[in-house]
Amino acid sequence: MRHAICMFGVEDLDRLPHFPEIFMNKILPEFDFGALTCWYEKLFNRTYLEEPTSENLDKNYYLSLPYVRYHHEKIKNNGTVDLEKFDCKHGVHLSR
């Protein structure tokens, strides 16, 4: 645990590709350097070697995140967002 958040280790890596997220929080080299090295390799492979598919990169998941939708609205509306009309919860689908 660090800052009340569980650390990821090498034993967690086999289940992480099934999550829609590209990044994960809390892999520390001083906790498990092997996990960090393996995850870097996975990110490299996803970035440069694997063709993006709905299985390894769910574009709709990212487009539905509130902060992504907020920034799209901000760009679309010349830097402004009507916070009264913006729904932070709309579109988010976390199913884990």
N, C-alpha and C. Protein backbone atom coordinates (compact mmCIF):
# COMPACT_ATOMS: atom_id res chain seq x y z
N MET A 1 0.85 -1.19 0.00
CA MET A 1 0.00 0.00 0.00
C MET A 1 0.89 1.25 0.00
N ARG A 2 0.46 2.22 -0.78
CA ARG A 2 1.09 3.54 -0.75
C ARG A 2 -0.02 4.56 -0.92
N HIS A 3 -0.10 5.48 0.01
CA HIS A 3 -1.17 6.49 -0.01
C HIS A 3 -2.54 5.82 -0.09
N ALA A 4 -2.70 4.74 0.65
CA ALA A 4 -3.94 3.96 0.73
C ALA A 4 -4.36 3.35 -0.61
N ILE A 5 -3.40 3.12 -1.50
CA ILE A 5 -3.67 2.49 -2.79
C ILE A 5 -2.78 1.25 -2.89
N CYS A 6 -3.35 0.14 -3.33
CA CYS A 6 -2.59 -1.10 -3.48
C CYS A 6 -1.57 -0.98 -4.60
N MET A 7 -0.42 -1.57 -4.38
CA MET A 7 0.63 -1.63 -5.39
C MET A 7 0.36 -2.81 -6.31
N PHE A 8 0.67 -2.63 -7.59
CA PHE A 8 0.61 -3.74 -8.53
C PHE A 8 1.95 -4.44 -8.54
N GLY A 9 1.92 -5.76 -8.68
CA GLY A 9 3.13 -6.55 -8.78
C GLY A 9 3.04 -7.47 -9.98
N VAL A 10 4.11 -8.22 -10.19
CA VAL A 10 4.18 -9.11 -11.35
C VAL A 10 3.02 -10.12 -11.36
N GLU A 11 2.54 -10.51 -10.18
CA GLU A 11 1.43 -11.47 -10.12
C GLU A 11 0.11 -10.89 -10.63
N ASP A 12 0.03 -9.57 -10.77
CA ASP A 12 -1.19 -8.92 -11.27
C ASP A 12 -1.21 -8.75 -12.78
N LEU A 13 -0.06 -8.88 -13.42
CA LEU A 13 0.05 -8.52 -14.84
C LEU A 13 -0.78 -9.38 -15.77
N ASP A 14 -1.04 -10.63 -15.43
CA ASP A 14 -1.81 -11.48 -16.34
C ASP A 14 -3.27 -11.06 -16.46
N ARG A 15 -3.82 -10.37 -15.47
CA ARG A 15 -5.21 -9.94 -15.56
C ARG A 15 -5.37 -8.51 -16.07
N LEU A 16 -4.30 -7.73 -16.08
CA LEU A 16 -4.39 -6.32 -16.49
C LEU A 16 -4.76 -6.12 -17.96
N PRO A 17 -4.31 -6.96 -18.90
CA PRO A 17 -4.73 -6.74 -20.30
C PRO A 17 -6.23 -6.84 -20.52
N HIS A 18 -6.96 -7.39 -19.58
CA HIS A 18 -8.42 -7.51 -19.72
C HIS A 18 -9.15 -6.24 -19.30
N PHE A 19 -8.42 -5.29 -18.71
CA PHE A 19 -9.01 -4.01 -18.31
C PHE A 19 -8.94 -3.06 -19.50
N PRO A 20 -9.89 -2.13 -19.61
CA PRO A 20 -9.87 -1.20 -20.75
C PRO A 20 -8.80 -0.12 -20.65
N GLU A 21 -8.27 0.13 -19.45
CA GLU A 21 -7.30 1.21 -19.27
C GLU A 21 -5.96 0.87 -19.91
N ILE A 22 -5.30 1.90 -20.41
CA ILE A 22 -3.97 1.74 -20.97
C ILE A 22 -2.93 1.83 -19.86
N PHE A 23 -3.17 2.72 -18.92
CA PHE A 23 -2.21 2.96 -17.85
C PHE A 23 -2.76 2.42 -16.54
N MET A 24 -1.87 2.20 -15.61
CA MET A 24 -2.31 1.82 -14.27
C MET A 24 -1.49 2.60 -13.26
N ASN A 25 -2.08 2.82 -12.13
CA ASN A 25 -1.45 3.59 -11.07
C ASN A 25 -0.88 2.65 -10.02
N LYS A 26 0.31 2.91 -9.67
CA LYS A 26 1.07 2.30 -8.59
C LYS A 26 1.76 1.01 -8.96
N ILE A 27 2.71 1.13 -9.86
CA ILE A 27 3.77 0.14 -10.01
C ILE A 27 5.04 0.90 -9.64
N LEU A 28 5.71 0.47 -8.62
CA LEU A 28 6.92 1.16 -8.19
C LEU A 28 8.13 0.24 -8.32
N PRO A 29 9.23 0.76 -8.87
CA PRO A 29 10.41 -0.08 -9.04
C PRO A 29 10.94 -0.62 -7.71
N GLU A 30 10.84 0.16 -6.65
CA GLU A 30 11.34 -0.32 -5.36
C GLU A 30 10.45 -1.40 -4.75
N PHE A 31 9.20 -1.53 -5.26
CA PHE A 31 8.30 -2.58 -4.79
C PHE A 31 8.45 -3.84 -5.63
N ASP A 32 8.42 -3.70 -6.96
CA ASP A 32 8.51 -4.87 -7.84
C ASP A 32 9.04 -4.41 -9.20
N PHE A 33 10.36 -4.40 -9.34
CA PHE A 33 10.97 -3.92 -10.58
C PHE A 33 10.61 -4.80 -11.77
N GLY A 34 10.43 -6.10 -11.54
CA GLY A 34 10.04 -7.00 -12.62
C GLY A 34 8.69 -6.63 -13.21
N ALA A 35 7.74 -6.26 -12.37
CA ALA A 35 6.41 -5.85 -12.85
C ALA A 35 6.52 -4.61 -13.71
N LEU A 36 7.33 -3.66 -13.29
CA LEU A 36 7.51 -2.42 -14.04
C LEU A 36 8.13 -2.71 -15.41
N THR A 37 9.14 -3.56 -15.44
CA THR A 37 9.79 -3.91 -16.70
C THR A 37 8.82 -4.62 -17.65
N CYS A 38 8.06 -5.57 -17.12
CA CYS A 38 7.08 -6.28 -17.95
C CYS A 38 6.00 -5.34 -18.48
N TRP A 39 5.53 -4.42 -17.64
CA TRP A 39 4.48 -3.50 -18.08
C TRP A 39 5.01 -2.54 -19.15
N TYR A 40 6.25 -2.08 -19.01
CA TYR A 40 6.84 -1.25 -20.06
C TYR A 40 6.87 -1.99 -21.38
N GLU A 41 7.23 -3.26 -21.35
CA GLU A 41 7.26 -4.06 -22.57
C GLU A 41 5.86 -4.19 -23.16
N LYS A 42 4.86 -4.41 -22.31
CA LYS A 42 3.48 -4.52 -22.79
C LYS A 42 3.02 -3.21 -23.44
N LEU A 43 3.35 -2.07 -22.82
CA LEU A 43 2.99 -0.77 -23.40
C LEU A 43 3.69 -0.55 -24.74
N PHE A 44 4.96 -0.94 -24.82
CA PHE A 44 5.69 -0.82 -26.08
C PHE A 44 5.00 -1.65 -27.16
N ASN A 45 4.68 -2.90 -26.82
CA ASN A 45 4.03 -3.78 -27.79
C ASN A 45 2.69 -3.22 -28.24
N ARG A 46 1.90 -2.71 -27.28
CA ARG A 46 0.59 -2.13 -27.63
C ARG A 46 0.76 -0.91 -28.52
N THR A 47 1.82 -0.15 -28.29
CA THR A 47 2.02 1.10 -29.03
C THR A 47 2.60 0.86 -30.42
N TYR A 48 3.59 -0.02 -30.53
CA TYR A 48 4.34 -0.13 -31.77
C TYR A 48 4.13 -1.43 -32.55
N LEU A 49 3.69 -2.49 -31.90
CA LEU A 49 3.63 -3.78 -32.57
C LEU A 49 2.22 -4.30 -32.81
N GLU A 50 1.29 -4.01 -31.91
CA GLU A 50 -0.06 -4.55 -32.03
C GLU A 50 -0.96 -3.58 -32.78
N GLU A 51 -1.78 -4.12 -33.64
CA GLU A 51 -2.78 -3.32 -34.33
C GLU A 51 -3.91 -3.02 -33.34
N PRO A 52 -4.31 -1.75 -33.20
CA PRO A 52 -5.42 -1.45 -32.28
C PRO A 52 -6.70 -2.16 -32.71
N THR A 53 -7.31 -2.88 -31.79
CA THR A 53 -8.58 -3.55 -32.05
C THR A 53 -9.51 -3.24 -30.88
N SER A 54 -10.76 -3.61 -31.03
CA SER A 54 -11.70 -3.40 -29.92
C SER A 54 -11.34 -4.26 -28.72
N GLU A 55 -10.55 -5.30 -28.93
CA GLU A 55 -10.14 -6.15 -27.81
C GLU A 55 -9.00 -5.54 -27.00
N ASN A 56 -8.05 -4.87 -27.67
CA ASN A 56 -6.92 -4.34 -26.92
C ASN A 56 -6.97 -2.83 -26.71
N LEU A 57 -7.92 -2.14 -27.33
CA LEU A 57 -8.09 -0.71 -27.11
C LEU A 57 -9.53 -0.33 -27.41
N ASP A 58 -10.29 -0.11 -26.38
CA ASP A 58 -11.70 0.24 -26.52
C ASP A 58 -11.82 1.77 -26.63
N LYS A 59 -11.85 2.25 -27.85
CA LYS A 59 -11.92 3.69 -28.11
C LYS A 59 -13.15 4.32 -27.46
N ASN A 60 -14.27 3.62 -27.49
CA ASN A 60 -15.50 4.17 -26.89
C ASN A 60 -15.38 4.34 -25.39
N TYR A 61 -14.64 3.46 -24.74
CA TYR A 61 -14.42 3.61 -23.30
C TYR A 61 -13.77 4.95 -23.00
N TYR A 62 -12.72 5.28 -23.74
CA TYR A 62 -12.01 6.53 -23.51
C TYR A 62 -12.83 7.74 -23.91
N LEU A 63 -13.55 7.64 -25.01
CA LEU A 63 -14.38 8.76 -25.44
C LEU A 63 -15.53 9.04 -24.48
N SER A 64 -15.91 8.06 -23.67
CA SER A 64 -17.01 8.26 -22.73
C SER A 64 -16.56 8.80 -21.38
N LEU A 65 -15.27 8.88 -21.13
CA LEU A 65 -14.79 9.37 -19.84
C LEU A 65 -15.12 10.86 -19.69
N PRO A 66 -15.55 11.26 -18.49
CA PRO A 66 -15.98 12.64 -18.29
C PRO A 66 -14.93 13.69 -18.67
N TYR A 67 -13.68 13.49 -18.32
CA TYR A 67 -12.68 14.51 -18.63
C TYR A 67 -12.37 14.58 -20.11
N VAL A 68 -12.50 13.48 -20.84
CA VAL A 68 -12.32 13.49 -22.29
C VAL A 68 -13.48 14.23 -22.94
N ARG A 69 -14.71 13.91 -22.51
CA ARG A 69 -15.89 14.61 -23.06
C ARG A 69 -15.84 16.09 -22.73
N TYR A 70 -15.40 16.44 -21.52
CA TYR A 70 -15.29 17.84 -21.10
C TYR A 70 -14.35 18.60 -22.04
N HIS A 71 -13.18 18.02 -22.31
CA HIS A 71 -12.22 18.70 -23.17
C HIS A 71 -12.69 18.77 -24.61
N HIS A 72 -13.42 17.78 -25.08
CA HIS A 72 -14.00 17.85 -26.43
C HIS A 72 -15.01 19.00 -26.50
N GLU A 73 -15.84 19.13 -25.46
CA GLU A 73 -16.81 20.23 -25.42
C GLU A 73 -16.09 21.58 -25.39
N LYS A 74 -15.02 21.65 -24.61
CA LYS A 74 -14.27 22.90 -24.49
C LYS A 74 -13.66 23.30 -25.84
N ILE A 75 -13.10 22.35 -26.56
CA ILE A 75 -12.53 22.63 -27.88
C ILE A 75 -13.62 23.02 -28.86
N LYS A 76 -14.73 22.29 -28.82
CA LYS A 76 -15.84 22.54 -29.74
C LYS A 76 -16.46 23.92 -29.52
N ASN A 77 -16.44 24.41 -28.28
CA ASN A 77 -17.10 25.67 -27.93
C ASN A 77 -16.11 26.79 -27.62
N ASN A 78 -15.00 26.80 -28.33
CA ASN A 78 -14.01 27.87 -28.21
C ASN A 78 -13.55 28.13 -26.77
N GLY A 79 -13.29 27.07 -26.04
CA GLY A 79 -12.71 27.21 -24.71
C GLY A 79 -13.69 27.33 -23.56
N THR A 80 -14.98 27.17 -23.82
CA THR A 80 -15.95 27.29 -22.74
C THR A 80 -16.83 26.04 -22.68
N VAL A 81 -17.27 25.73 -21.47
CA VAL A 81 -18.20 24.62 -21.25
C VAL A 81 -19.26 25.10 -20.29
N ASP A 82 -20.51 24.88 -20.66
CA ASP A 82 -21.62 25.23 -19.77
C ASP A 82 -21.74 24.14 -18.71
N LEU A 83 -21.22 24.40 -17.52
CA LEU A 83 -21.19 23.40 -16.46
C LEU A 83 -22.58 23.04 -15.96
N GLU A 84 -23.55 23.90 -16.16
CA GLU A 84 -24.92 23.59 -15.77
C GLU A 84 -25.50 22.47 -16.65
N LYS A 85 -25.04 22.39 -17.89
CA LYS A 85 -25.57 21.40 -18.82
C LYS A 85 -24.67 20.17 -18.96
N PHE A 86 -23.43 20.27 -18.50
CA PHE A 86 -22.50 19.15 -18.67
C PHE A 86 -22.79 18.08 -17.62
N ASP A 87 -23.01 16.86 -18.09
CA ASP A 87 -23.32 15.73 -17.21
C ASP A 87 -22.06 14.88 -17.03
N CYS A 88 -21.48 14.94 -15.83
CA CYS A 88 -20.25 14.20 -15.55
C CYS A 88 -20.43 12.70 -15.60
N LYS A 89 -21.63 12.22 -15.34
CA LYS A 89 -21.87 10.78 -15.25
C LYS A 89 -22.28 10.16 -16.58
N HIS A 90 -22.78 10.96 -17.49
CA HIS A 90 -23.28 10.44 -18.77
C HIS A 90 -22.15 9.78 -19.55
N GLY A 91 -22.40 8.58 -20.04
CA GLY A 91 -21.47 7.92 -20.94
C GLY A 91 -20.44 7.03 -20.27
N VAL A 92 -20.24 7.16 -19.00
CA VAL A 92 -19.23 6.35 -18.34
C VAL A 92 -19.78 4.96 -18.10
N HIS A 93 -19.02 3.95 -18.51
CA HIS A 93 -19.48 2.57 -18.31
C HIS A 93 -18.35 1.73 -17.69
N LEU A 94 -18.29 1.75 -16.40
CA LEU A 94 -17.31 0.94 -15.69
C LEU A 94 -17.96 -0.37 -15.30
N SER A 95 -17.44 -1.44 -15.82
CA SER A 95 -18.05 -2.73 -15.53
C SER A 95 -17.02 -3.73 -15.05
N ARG A 96 -16.51 -3.47 -13.87
CA ARG A 96 -15.54 -4.41 -13.29
C ARG A 96 -15.97 -4.76 -11.91
